[in-house]
Amino acid sequence: MANGINANSEIHISLALLIKAGILIAIVTGSWYQAQMKFAEQERRIEDLEDKVVVLTASIEGMETAHIEELEEENRTLMQKLGLKR
């Protein structure tokens, strides 16, 4: 190691190494892009499912309210038949 690196040193890189480095960079970049696209798709699916849950929750609440009203009406009529007024 008598020859240290100085301002006049030359670096030789083979063409094959440059091609391999370019391919590696392309693969890493492509993989990152695909991962980002899959994350975005999963996020859209989650948002769609959240919207569906909200709609179903509202629908169930409406059904429960209607069922409770039916039960209250049935209870009133049964109590009137028994002679108990509420």
Protein backbone atom coordinates (compact mmCIF):
# COMPACT_ATOMS: atom_id res chain seq x y z
CA MET A 1 0.00 0.00 0.00
CA ALA A 2 2.75 2.39 -0.84
CA ASN A 3 0.44 4.04 -3.35
CA GLY A 4 -2.24 5.87 -1.39
CA ILE A 5 -5.28 7.49 -2.89
CA ASN A 6 -4.54 11.01 -4.05
CA ALA A 7 -5.97 13.56 -6.45
CA ASN A 8 -4.31 11.90 -9.44
CA SER A 9 -5.66 8.41 -8.70
CA GLU A 10 -7.82 6.81 -11.35
CA ILE A 11 -10.76 4.51 -10.68
CA HIS A 12 -11.59 1.88 -13.26
CA ILE A 13 -15.07 0.37 -13.25
CA SER A 14 -15.90 -2.36 -15.68
CA LEU A 15 -18.88 -2.07 -17.96
CA ALA A 16 -20.29 -5.35 -16.58
CA LEU A 17 -20.26 -3.91 -13.04
CA LEU A 18 -22.09 -0.77 -14.23
CA ILE A 19 -24.73 -2.91 -15.95
CA LYS A 20 -25.18 -5.08 -12.85
CA ALA A 21 -25.50 -1.98 -10.65
CA GLY A 22 -28.08 -0.51 -13.05
CA ILE A 23 -30.11 -3.72 -13.04
CA LEU A 24 -29.96 -3.87 -9.23
CA ILE A 25 -31.17 -0.27 -8.96
CA ALA A 26 -33.99 -1.00 -11.43
CA ILE A 27 -35.06 -4.08 -9.44
CA VAL A 28 -35.04 -2.22 -6.13
CA THR A 29 -36.94 0.73 -7.60
CA GLY A 30 -39.51 -1.56 -9.24
CA SER A 31 -40.03 -3.51 -6.03
CA TRP A 32 -40.50 -0.33 -4.04
CA TYR A 33 -43.04 0.95 -6.59
CA GLN A 34 -45.00 -2.32 -6.51
CA ALA A 35 -45.02 -2.29 -2.70
CA GLN A 36 -46.35 1.28 -2.69
CA MET A 37 -49.09 0.34 -5.17
CA LYS A 38 -50.14 -2.64 -3.05
CA PHE A 39 -50.24 -0.48 0.09
CA ALA A 40 -52.40 2.08 -1.71
CA GLU A 41 -54.73 -0.69 -2.93
CA GLN A 42 -55.05 -2.13 0.57
CA GLU A 43 -55.77 1.32 1.97
CA ARG A 44 -58.55 1.82 -0.60
CA ARG A 45 -60.02 -1.58 0.28
CA ILE A 46 -59.95 -0.73 4.00
CA GLU A 47 -61.71 2.58 3.35
CA ASP A 48 -64.37 0.79 1.28
CA LEU A 49 -64.91 -1.75 4.05
CA GLU A 50 -65.19 1.03 6.64
CA ASP A 51 -67.84 2.72 4.49
CA LYS A 52 -69.76 -0.55 4.21
CA VAL A 53 -69.59 -1.04 7.99
CA VAL A 54 -71.03 2.43 8.54
CA VAL A 55 -73.88 1.72 6.12
CA LEU A 56 -74.60 -1.67 7.72
CA THR A 57 -74.51 -0.15 11.21
CA ALA A 58 -77.04 2.49 10.20
CA SER A 59 -79.22 -0.17 8.57
CA ILE A 60 -79.13 -2.37 11.67
CA GLU A 61 -79.99 0.57 13.92
CA GLY A 62 -83.04 1.27 11.77
CA MET A 63 -84.08 -2.38 11.89
CA GLU A 64 -83.64 -2.47 15.68
CA THR A 65 -85.74 0.65 16.10
CA ALA A 66 -88.52 -0.80 13.95
CA HIS A 67 -88.38 -4.10 15.84
CA ILE A 68 -88.54 -2.34 19.22
CA GLU A 69 -91.58 -0.36 18.08
CA GLU A 70 -93.28 -3.57 16.94
CA LEU A 71 -92.55 -5.23 20.28
CA GLU A 72 -93.87 -2.22 22.20
CA GLU A 73 -97.07 -2.25 20.13
CA GLU A 74 -97.49 -5.98 20.67
CA ASN A 75 -96.89 -5.50 24.40
CA ARG A 76 -99.55 -2.74 24.54
CA THR A 77 -102.13 -4.89 22.78
CA LEU A 78 -101.42 -7.89 25.01
CA MET A 79 -101.68 -5.75 28.16
CA GLN A 80 -104.98 -4.32 26.91
CA LYS A 81 -106.29 -7.85 26.29
CA LEU A 82 -105.34 -8.78 29.83
CA GLY A 83 -107.02 -5.67 31.16
CA LEU A 84 -103.78 -4.10 32.32
CA LYS A 85 -103.33 -0.61 31.05
CA ARG A 86 -99.95 0.84 30.81
